[in-house]
Amino acid sequence: MLNIIEATPSELGEYAKFPMALLVESIFKVDIIDNGFGGFQLVEQRVKTPWVKDYGEEGDDTNVTRWLKQFDVSNWKFLLADVEGRIA
């Protein structure tokens, strides 16, 4: 059985156990319409050279375990999947 459970920020170490690498093939550029009065538009742009971004890489400033120091996570929600008593 699968249960989605809310985790506390102190449990971010559980997140770090899972691979969080992804291939970056495009980015989104923000186009400002009418000096912002017309809103904003996200435009996807392909990158010249794709790369792998690994959020679990040790020493990387974007590593999930560093979020507590980098961001105010007081209003964030963290979810974990519990599959038959095992975090997955």
PDB file of N, CA and C in Angstrom:
ATOM      1  N   MET A   1       0.829  -1.173   0.000  1.00  0.00           N
ATOM      2  CA  MET A   1       0.000   0.000   0.000  1.00  0.00           C
ATOM      3  C   MET A   1       0.883   1.250   0.000  1.00  0.00           C
ATOM      4  N   LEU A   2       0.465   2.245  -0.720  1.00  0.00           N
ATOM      5  CA  LEU A   2       1.197   3.506  -0.826  1.00  0.00           C
ATOM      6  C   LEU A   2       0.501   4.570   0.001  1.00  0.00           C
ATOM      7  N   ASN A   3       1.256   5.218   0.865  1.00  0.00           N
ATOM      8  CA  ASN A   3       0.751   6.343   1.643  1.00  0.00           C
ATOM      9  C   ASN A   3       1.660   7.539   1.403  1.00  0.00           C
ATOM     10  N   ILE A   4       1.067   8.687   1.162  1.00  0.00           N
ATOM     11  CA  ILE A   4       1.827   9.923   1.052  1.00  0.00           C
ATOM     12  C   ILE A   4       1.776  10.570   2.423  1.00  0.00           C
ATOM     13  N   ILE A   5       2.954  10.815   2.987  1.00  0.00           N
ATOM     14  CA  ILE A   5       3.012  11.388   4.320  1.00  0.00           C
ATOM     15  C   ILE A   5       3.727  12.735   4.283  1.00  0.00           C
ATOM     16  N   GLU A   6       3.308  13.613   5.179  1.00  0.00           N
ATOM     17  CA  GLU A   6       3.977  14.906   5.289  1.00  0.00           C
ATOM     18  C   GLU A   6       5.202  14.728   6.174  1.00  0.00           C
ATOM     19  N   ALA A   7       6.317  15.212   5.687  1.00  0.00           N
ATOM     20  CA  ALA A   7       7.566  15.116   6.431  1.00  0.00           C
ATOM     21  C   ALA A   7       7.912  16.480   7.018  1.00  0.00           C
ATOM     22  N   THR A   8       8.769  16.461   7.998  1.00  0.00           N
ATOM     23  CA  THR A   8       9.241  17.710   8.587  1.00  0.00           C
ATOM     24  C   THR A   8      10.542  18.117   7.897  1.00  0.00           C
ATOM     25  N   PRO A   9      10.910  19.374   7.981  1.00  0.00           N
ATOM     26  CA  PRO A   9      12.184  19.795   7.389  1.00  0.00           C
ATOM     27  C   PRO A   9      13.373  18.991   7.913  1.00  0.00           C
ATOM     28  N   SER A  10      13.299  18.527   9.143  1.00  0.00           N
ATOM     29  CA  SER A  10      14.413  17.746   9.694  1.00  0.00           C
ATOM     30  C   SER A  10      14.571  16.397   8.996  1.00  0.00           C
ATOM     31  N   GLU A  11      13.568  15.994   8.224  1.00  0.00           N
ATOM     32  CA  GLU A  11      13.631  14.717   7.504  1.00  0.00           C
ATOM     33  C   GLU A  11      14.122  14.877   6.067  1.00  0.00           C
ATOM     34  N   LEU A  12      14.690  16.034   5.748  1.00  0.00           N
ATOM     35  CA  LEU A  12      15.187  16.238   4.388  1.00  0.00           C
ATOM     36  C   LEU A  12      16.285  15.251   4.011  1.00  0.00           C
ATOM     37  N   GLY A  13      16.942  14.694   4.997  1.00  0.00           N
ATOM     38  CA  GLY A  13      17.950  13.674   4.719  1.00  0.00           C
ATOM     39  C   GLY A  13      17.365  12.493   3.965  1.00  0.00           C
ATOM     40  N   GLU A  14      16.076  12.211   4.189  1.00  0.00           N
ATOM     41  CA  GLU A  14      15.403  11.135   3.451  1.00  0.00           C
ATOM     42  C   GLU A  14      15.331  11.475   1.963  1.00  0.00           C
ATOM     43  N   TYR A  15      15.077  12.742   1.659  1.00  0.00           N
ATOM     44  CA  TYR A  15      15.047  13.172   0.257  1.00  0.00           C
ATOM     45  C   TYR A  15      16.405  12.947  -0.397  1.00  0.00           C
ATOM     46  N   ALA A  16      17.470  13.240   0.340  1.00  0.00           N
ATOM     47  CA  ALA A  16      18.825  13.162  -0.212  1.00  0.00           C
ATOM     48  C   ALA A  16      19.223  11.736  -0.576  1.00  0.00           C
ATOM     49  N   LYS A  17      18.507  10.749  -0.065  1.00  0.00           N
ATOM     50  CA  LYS A  17      18.830   9.352  -0.365  1.00  0.00           C
ATOM     51  C   LYS A  17      18.411   8.941  -1.774  1.00  0.00           C
ATOM     52  N   PHE A  18      17.548   9.722  -2.398  1.00  0.00           N
ATOM     53  CA  PHE A  18      17.018   9.355  -3.704  1.00  0.00           C
ATOM     54  C   PHE A  18      17.725  10.123  -4.809  1.00  0.00           C
ATOM     55  N   PRO A  19      17.960   9.470  -5.950  1.00  0.00           N
ATOM     56  CA  PRO A  19      18.594  10.170  -7.069  1.00  0.00           C
ATOM     57  C   PRO A  19      17.735  11.353  -7.513  1.00  0.00           C
ATOM     58  N   MET A  20      18.370  12.490  -7.691  1.00  0.00           N
ATOM     59  CA  MET A  20      17.659  13.698  -8.113  1.00  0.00           C
ATOM     60  C   MET A  20      18.374  14.342  -9.287  1.00  0.00           C
ATOM     61  N   ALA A  21      18.809  13.531 -10.215  1.00  0.00           N
ATOM     62  CA  ALA A  21      19.512  14.041 -11.389  1.00  0.00           C
ATOM     63  C   ALA A  21      18.535  14.126 -12.558  1.00  0.00           C
ATOM     64  N   LEU A  22      18.695  15.176 -13.330  1.00  0.00           N
ATOM     65  CA  LEU A  22      17.854  15.324 -14.513  1.00  0.00           C
ATOM     66  C   LEU A  22      18.660  15.942 -15.643  1.00  0.00           C
ATOM     67  N   LEU A  23      18.244  15.639 -16.845  1.00  0.00           N
ATOM     68  CA  LEU A  23      18.901  16.168 -18.034  1.00  0.00           C
ATOM     69  C   LEU A  23      18.248  17.488 -18.406  1.00  0.00           C
ATOM     70  N   VAL A  24      19.045  18.548 -18.428  1.00  0.00           N
ATOM     71  CA  VAL A  24      18.542  19.875 -18.791  1.00  0.00           C
ATOM     72  C   VAL A  24      18.717  20.044 -20.296  1.00  0.00           C
ATOM     73  N   GLU A  25      17.590  20.128 -20.999  1.00  0.00           N
ATOM     74  CA  GLU A  25      17.611  20.316 -22.443  1.00  0.00           C
ATOM     75  C   GLU A  25      17.037  21.660 -22.854  1.00  0.00           C
ATOM     76  N   SER A  26      16.341  22.308 -21.913  1.00  0.00           N
ATOM     77  CA  SER A  26      15.757  23.614 -22.206  1.00  0.00           C
ATOM     78  C   SER A  26      15.630  24.413 -20.916  1.00  0.00           C
ATOM     79  N   ILE A  27      15.470  25.711 -21.086  1.00  0.00           N
ATOM     80  CA  ILE A  27      15.232  26.616 -19.968  1.00  0.00           C
ATOM     81  C   ILE A  27      14.035  27.486 -20.334  1.00  0.00           C
ATOM     82  N   PHE A  28      13.500  28.170 -19.353  1.00  0.00           N
ATOM     83  CA  PHE A  28      12.395  29.090 -19.619  1.00  0.00           C
ATOM     84  C   PHE A  28      12.878  30.521 -19.456  1.00  0.00           C
ATOM     85  N   LYS A  29      12.650  31.304 -20.484  1.00  0.00           N
ATOM     86  CA  LYS A  29      12.977  32.726 -20.477  1.00  0.00           C
ATOM     87  C   LYS A  29      11.696  33.476 -20.126  1.00  0.00           C
ATOM     88  N   VAL A  30      11.827  34.495 -19.273  1.00  0.00           N
ATOM     89  CA  VAL A  30      10.667  35.300 -18.890  1.00  0.00           C
ATOM     90  C   VAL A  30      10.595  36.508 -19.809  1.00  0.00           C
ATOM     91  N   ASP A  31       9.522  36.613 -20.569  1.00  0.00           N
ATOM     92  CA  ASP A  31       9.267  37.790 -21.397  1.00  0.00           C
ATOM     93  C   ASP A  31       8.297  38.693 -20.652  1.00  0.00           C
ATOM     94  N   ILE A  32       8.688  39.944 -20.491  1.00  0.00           N
ATOM     95  CA  ILE A  32       7.837  40.927 -19.820  1.00  0.00           C
ATOM     96  C   ILE A  32       6.995  41.622 -20.880  1.00  0.00           C
ATOM     97  N   ILE A  33       5.689  41.620 -20.688  1.00  0.00           N
ATOM     98  CA  ILE A  33       4.761  42.196 -21.660  1.00  0.00           C
ATOM     99  C   ILE A  33       4.313  43.572 -21.176  1.00  0.00           C
ATOM    100  N   ASP A  34       4.459  44.568 -22.030  1.00  0.00           N
ATOM    101  CA  ASP A  34       4.008  45.939 -21.738  1.00  0.00           C
ATOM    102  C   ASP A  34       4.547  46.425 -20.392  1.00  0.00           C
ATOM    103  N   ASN A  35       5.876  46.309 -20.240  1.00  0.00           N
ATOM    104  CA  ASN A  35       6.551  46.732 -19.004  1.00  0.00           C
ATOM    105  C   ASN A  35       5.970  46.080 -17.751  1.00  0.00           C
ATOM    106  N   GLY A  36       5.424  44.899 -17.890  1.00  0.00           N
ATOM    107  CA  GLY A  36       4.865  44.163 -16.761  1.00  0.00           C
ATOM    108  C   GLY A  36       3.375  44.349 -16.579  1.00  0.00           C
ATOM    109  N   PHE A  37       2.815  45.403 -17.181  1.00  0.00           N
ATOM    110  CA  PHE A  37       1.375  45.643 -17.032  1.00  0.00           C
ATOM    111  C   PHE A  37       0.551  44.624 -17.809  1.00  0.00           C
ATOM    112  N   GLY A  38       1.158  44.035 -18.832  1.00  0.00           N
ATOM    113  CA  GLY A  38       0.472  43.015 -19.617  1.00  0.00           C
ATOM    114  C   GLY A  38       0.787  41.613 -19.137  1.00  0.00           C
ATOM    115  N   GLY A  39       1.532  41.537 -18.050  1.00  0.00           N
ATOM    116  CA  GLY A  39       1.869  40.241 -17.487  1.00  0.00           C
ATOM    117  C   GLY A  39       3.236  39.756 -17.927  1.00  0.00           C
ATOM    118  N   PHE A  40       3.432  38.488 -17.759  1.00  0.00           N
ATOM    119  CA  PHE A  40       4.686  37.844 -18.098  1.00  0.00           C
ATOM    120  C   PHE A  40       4.377  36.588 -18.895  1.00  0.00           C
ATOM    121  N   GLN A  41       5.329  36.191 -19.711  1.00  0.00           N
ATOM    122  CA  GLN A  41       5.154  34.970 -20.488  1.00  0.00           C
ATOM    123  C   GLN A  41       6.430  34.152 -20.374  1.00  0.00           C
ATOM    124  N   LEU A  42       6.281  32.875 -20.106  1.00  0.00           N
ATOM    125  CA  LEU A  42       7.427  31.974 -20.086  1.00  0.00           C
ATOM    126  C   LEU A  42       7.589  31.370 -21.469  1.00  0.00           C
ATOM    127  N   VAL A  43       8.793  31.492 -22.006  1.00  0.00           N
ATOM    128  CA  VAL A  43       9.079  30.972 -23.339  1.00  0.00           C
ATOM    129  C   VAL A  43      10.189  29.932 -23.205  1.00  0.00           C
ATOM    130  N   GLU A  44       9.894  28.717 -23.617  1.00  0.00           N
ATOM    131  CA  GLU A  44      10.884  27.646 -23.522  1.00  0.00           C
ATOM    132  C   GLU A  44      11.945  27.822 -24.598  1.00  0.00           C
ATOM    133  N   GLN A  45      13.208  27.691 -24.188  1.00  0.00           N
ATOM    134  CA  GLN A  45      14.322  27.787 -25.128  1.00  0.00           C
ATOM    135  C   GLN A  45      15.225  26.575 -24.947  1.00  0.00           C
ATOM    136  N   ARG A  46      15.588  25.955 -26.048  1.00  0.00           N
ATOM    137  CA  ARG A  46      16.519  24.828 -26.014  1.00  0.00           C
ATOM    138  C   ARG A  46      17.906  25.353 -25.656  1.00  0.00           C
ATOM    139  N   VAL A  47      18.667  24.583 -24.909  1.00  0.00           N
ATOM    140  CA  VAL A  47      20.042  24.963 -24.603  1.00  0.00           C
ATOM    141  C   VAL A  47      20.954  24.383 -25.677  1.00  0.00           C
ATOM    142  N   LYS A  48      22.072  25.050 -25.930  1.00  0.00           N
ATOM    143  CA  LYS A  48      22.994  24.567 -26.964  1.00  0.00           C
ATOM    144  C   LYS A  48      23.583  23.218 -26.583  1.00  0.00           C
ATOM    145  N   THR A  49      24.022  23.116 -25.336  1.00  0.00           N
ATOM    146  CA  THR A  49      24.643  21.885 -24.868  1.00  0.00           C
ATOM    147  C   THR A  49      23.906  21.400 -23.620  1.00  0.00           C
ATOM    148  N   PRO A  50      23.111  20.341 -23.754  1.00  0.00           N
ATOM    149  CA  PRO A  50      22.405  19.809 -22.578  1.00  0.00           C
ATOM    150  C   PRO A  50      23.403  19.364 -21.498  1.00  0.00           C
ATOM    151  N   TRP A  51      22.958  19.405 -20.238  1.00  0.00           N
ATOM    152  CA  TRP A  51      23.797  18.979 -19.133  1.00  0.00           C
ATOM    153  C   TRP A  51      22.941  18.267 -18.094  1.00  0.00           C
ATOM    154  N   VAL A  52      23.613  17.556 -17.218  1.00  0.00           N
ATOM    155  CA  VAL A  52      22.918  16.859 -16.141  1.00  0.00           C
ATOM    156  C   VAL A  52      23.012  17.717 -14.883  1.00  0.00           C
ATOM    157  N   LYS A  53      21.867  18.012 -14.289  1.00  0.00           N
ATOM    158  CA  LYS A  53      21.803  18.741 -13.024  1.00  0.00           C
ATOM    159  C   LYS A  53      21.468  17.724 -11.948  1.00  0.00           C
ATOM    160  N   ASP A  54      22.348  17.601 -10.965  1.00  0.00           N
ATOM    161  CA  ASP A  54      22.163  16.617  -9.903  1.00  0.00           C
ATOM    162  C   ASP A  54      21.952  17.341  -8.578  1.00  0.00           C
ATOM    163  N   TYR A  55      20.714  17.359  -8.103  1.00  0.00           N
ATOM    164  CA  TYR A  55      20.386  18.029  -6.850  1.00  0.00           C
ATOM    165  C   TYR A  55      20.854  17.250  -5.628  1.00  0.00           C
ATOM    166  N   GLY A  56      21.354  16.060  -5.825  1.00  0.00           N
ATOM    167  CA  GLY A  56      21.849  15.265  -4.709  1.00  0.00           C
ATOM    168  C   GLY A  56      23.356  15.267  -4.598  1.00  0.00           C
ATOM    169  N   GLU A  57      24.030  15.955  -5.495  1.00  0.00           N
ATOM    170  CA  GLU A  57      25.490  15.955  -5.534  1.00  0.00           C
ATOM    171  C   GLU A  57      26.068  16.624  -4.284  1.00  0.00           C
ATOM    172  N   GLU A  58      26.972  15.931  -3.624  1.00  0.00           N
ATOM    173  CA  GLU A  58      27.606  16.484  -2.419  1.00  0.00           C
ATOM    174  C   GLU A  58      28.402  17.729  -2.785  1.00  0.00           C
ATOM    175  N   GLY A  59      28.351  18.720  -1.924  1.00  0.00           N
ATOM    176  CA  GLY A  59      29.105  19.943  -2.152  1.00  0.00           C
ATOM    177  C   GLY A  59      28.407  20.932  -3.054  1.00  0.00           C
ATOM    178  N   ASP A  60      27.315  20.527  -3.667  1.00  0.00           N
ATOM    179  CA  ASP A  60      26.553  21.409  -4.554  1.00  0.00           C
ATOM    180  C   ASP A  60      25.654  22.291  -3.696  1.00  0.00           C
ATOM    181  N   ASP A  61      25.630  23.577  -3.983  1.00  0.00           N
ATOM    182  CA  ASP A  61      24.799  24.503  -3.206  1.00  0.00           C
ATOM    183  C   ASP A  61      23.310  24.208  -3.330  1.00  0.00           C
ATOM    184  N   THR A  62      22.904  23.438  -4.328  1.00  0.00           N
ATOM    185  CA  THR A  62      21.489  23.118  -4.492  1.00  0.00           C
ATOM    186  C   THR A  62      21.128  21.775  -3.858  1.00  0.00           C
ATOM    187  N   ASN A  63      22.073  21.148  -3.179  1.00  0.00           N
ATOM    188  CA  ASN A  63      21.800  19.880  -2.511  1.00  0.00           C
ATOM    189  C   ASN A  63      20.654  20.055  -1.526  1.00  0.00           C
ATOM    190  N   VAL A  64      19.734  19.122  -1.556  1.00  0.00           N
ATOM    191  CA  VAL A  64      18.513  19.201  -0.750  1.00  0.00           C
ATOM    192  C   VAL A  64      18.802  19.384   0.741  1.00  0.00           C
ATOM    193  N   THR A  65      19.885  18.834   1.226  1.00  0.00           N
ATOM    194  CA  THR A  65      20.197  18.951   2.649  1.00  0.00           C
ATOM    195  C   THR A  65      20.618  20.365   3.035  1.00  0.00           C
ATOM    196  N   ARG A  66      20.910  21.207   2.079  1.00  0.00           N
ATOM    197  CA  ARG A  66      21.297  22.598   2.362  1.00  0.00           C
ATOM    198  C   ARG A  66      20.118  23.563   2.297  1.00  0.00           C
ATOM    199  N   TRP A  67      18.955  23.078   1.914  1.00  0.00           N
ATOM    200  CA  TRP A  67      17.792  23.957   1.773  1.00  0.00           C
ATOM    201  C   TRP A  67      17.477  24.702   3.063  1.00  0.00           C
ATOM    202  N   LEU A  68      17.662  24.034   4.199  1.00  0.00           N
ATOM    203  CA  LEU A  68      17.323  24.661   5.477  1.00  0.00           C
ATOM    204  C   LEU A  68      18.171  25.901   5.751  1.00  0.00           C
ATOM    205  N   LYS A  69      19.398  25.903   5.264  1.00  0.00           N
ATOM    206  CA  LYS A  69      20.284  27.053   5.456  1.00  0.00           C
ATOM    207  C   LYS A  69      20.080  28.108   4.376  1.00  0.00           C
ATOM    208  N   GLN A  70      19.667  27.671   3.191  1.00  0.00           N
ATOM    209  CA  GLN A  70      19.552  28.584   2.052  1.00  0.00           C
ATOM    210  C   GLN A  70      18.211  29.295   1.972  1.00  0.00           C
ATOM    211  N   PHE A  71      17.162  28.635   2.432  1.00  0.00           N
ATOM    212  CA  PHE A  71      15.810  29.147   2.219  1.00  0.00           C
ATOM    213  C   PHE A  71      15.016  29.188   3.522  1.00  0.00           C
ATOM    214  N   ASP A  72      14.039  30.048   3.556  1.00  0.00           N
ATOM    215  CA  ASP A  72      13.066  30.048   4.645  1.00  0.00           C
ATOM    216  C   ASP A  72      12.008  29.012   4.266  1.00  0.00           C
ATOM    217  N   VAL A  73      12.078  27.849   4.872  1.00  0.00           N
ATOM    218  CA  VAL A  73      11.179  26.748   4.514  1.00  0.00           C
ATOM    219  C   VAL A  73       9.984  26.653   5.466  1.00  0.00           C
ATOM    220  N   SER A  74       9.759  27.698   6.242  1.00  0.00           N
ATOM    221  CA  SER A  74       8.697  27.644   7.249  1.00  0.00           C
ATOM    222  C   SER A  74       7.305  27.450   6.644  1.00  0.00           C
ATOM    223  N   ASN A  75       7.122  27.824   5.394  1.00  0.00           N
ATOM    224  CA  ASN A  75       5.818  27.643   4.742  1.00  0.00           C
ATOM    225  C   ASN A  75       5.842  26.557   3.671  1.00  0.00           C
ATOM    226  N   TRP A  76       6.910  25.791   3.610  1.00  0.00           N
ATOM    227  CA  TRP A  76       7.022  24.711   2.641  1.00  0.00           C
ATOM    228  C   TRP A  76       6.386  23.448   3.210  1.00  0.00           C
ATOM    229  N   LYS A  77       5.940  22.580   2.313  1.00  0.00           N
ATOM    230  CA  LYS A  77       5.454  21.254   2.691  1.00  0.00           C
ATOM    231  C   LYS A  77       6.365  20.231   2.030  1.00  0.00           C
ATOM    232  N   PHE A  78       6.716  19.213   2.760  1.00  0.00           N
ATOM    233  CA  PHE A  78       7.558  18.144   2.248  1.00  0.00           C
ATOM    234  C   PHE A  78       6.759  16.850   2.305  1.00  0.00           C
ATOM    235  N   LEU A  79       6.756  16.125   1.211  1.00  0.00           N
ATOM    236  CA  LEU A  79       5.991  14.882   1.134  1.00  0.00           C
ATOM    237  C   LEU A  79       6.926  13.719   0.848  1.00  0.00           C
ATOM    238  N   LEU A  80       6.661  12.615   1.482  1.00  0.00           N
ATOM    239  CA  LEU A  80       7.392  11.378   1.243  1.00  0.00           C
ATOM    240  C   LEU A  80       6.383  10.284   0.923  1.00  0.00           C
ATOM    241  N   ALA A  81       6.807   9.320   0.153  1.00  0.00           N
ATOM    242  CA  ALA A  81       5.963   8.168  -0.155  1.00  0.00           C
ATOM    243  C   ALA A  81       6.375   7.015   0.754  1.00  0.00           C
ATOM    244  N   ASP A  82       5.416   6.459   1.446  1.00  0.00           N
ATOM    245  CA  ASP A  82       5.628   5.308   2.315  1.00  0.00           C
ATOM    246  C   ASP A  82       4.976   4.113   1.626  1.00  0.00           C
ATOM    247  N   VAL A  83       5.810   3.163   1.220  1.00  0.00           N
ATOM    248  CA  VAL A  83       5.306   1.959   0.559  1.00  0.00           C
ATOM    249  C   VAL A  83       5.524   0.788   1.506  1.00  0.00           C
ATOM    250  N   GLU A  84       4.433   0.368   2.117  1.00  0.00           N
ATOM    251  CA  GLU A  84       4.464  -0.763   3.043  1.00  0.00           C
ATOM    252  C   GLU A  84       5.552  -0.603   4.100  1.00  0.00           C
ATOM    253  N   GLY A  85       5.624   0.586   4.706  1.00  0.00           N
ATOM    254  CA  GLY A  85       6.576   0.842   5.776  1.00  0.00           C
ATOM    255  C   GLY A  85       7.964   1.242   5.329  1.00  0.00           C
ATOM    256  N   ARG A  86       8.158   1.375   4.034  1.00  0.00           N
ATOM    257  CA  ARG A  86       9.467   1.739   3.493  1.00  0.00           C
ATOM    258  C   ARG A  86       9.336   3.059   2.746  1.00  0.00           C
ATOM    259  N   ILE A  87      10.223   4.009   3.039  1.00  0.00           N
ATOM    260  CA  ILE A  87      10.205   5.285   2.325  1.00  0.00           C
ATOM    261  C   ILE A  87      10.727   5.051   0.917  1.00  0.00           C
ATOM    262  N   ALA A  88       9.933   5.450  -0.058  1.00  0.00           N
ATOM    263  CA  ALA A  88      10.298   5.201  -1.463  1.00  0.00           C
ATOM    264  C   ALA A  88      10.172   6.474  -2.274  1.00  0.00           C
TER     265      ALA A  88
END
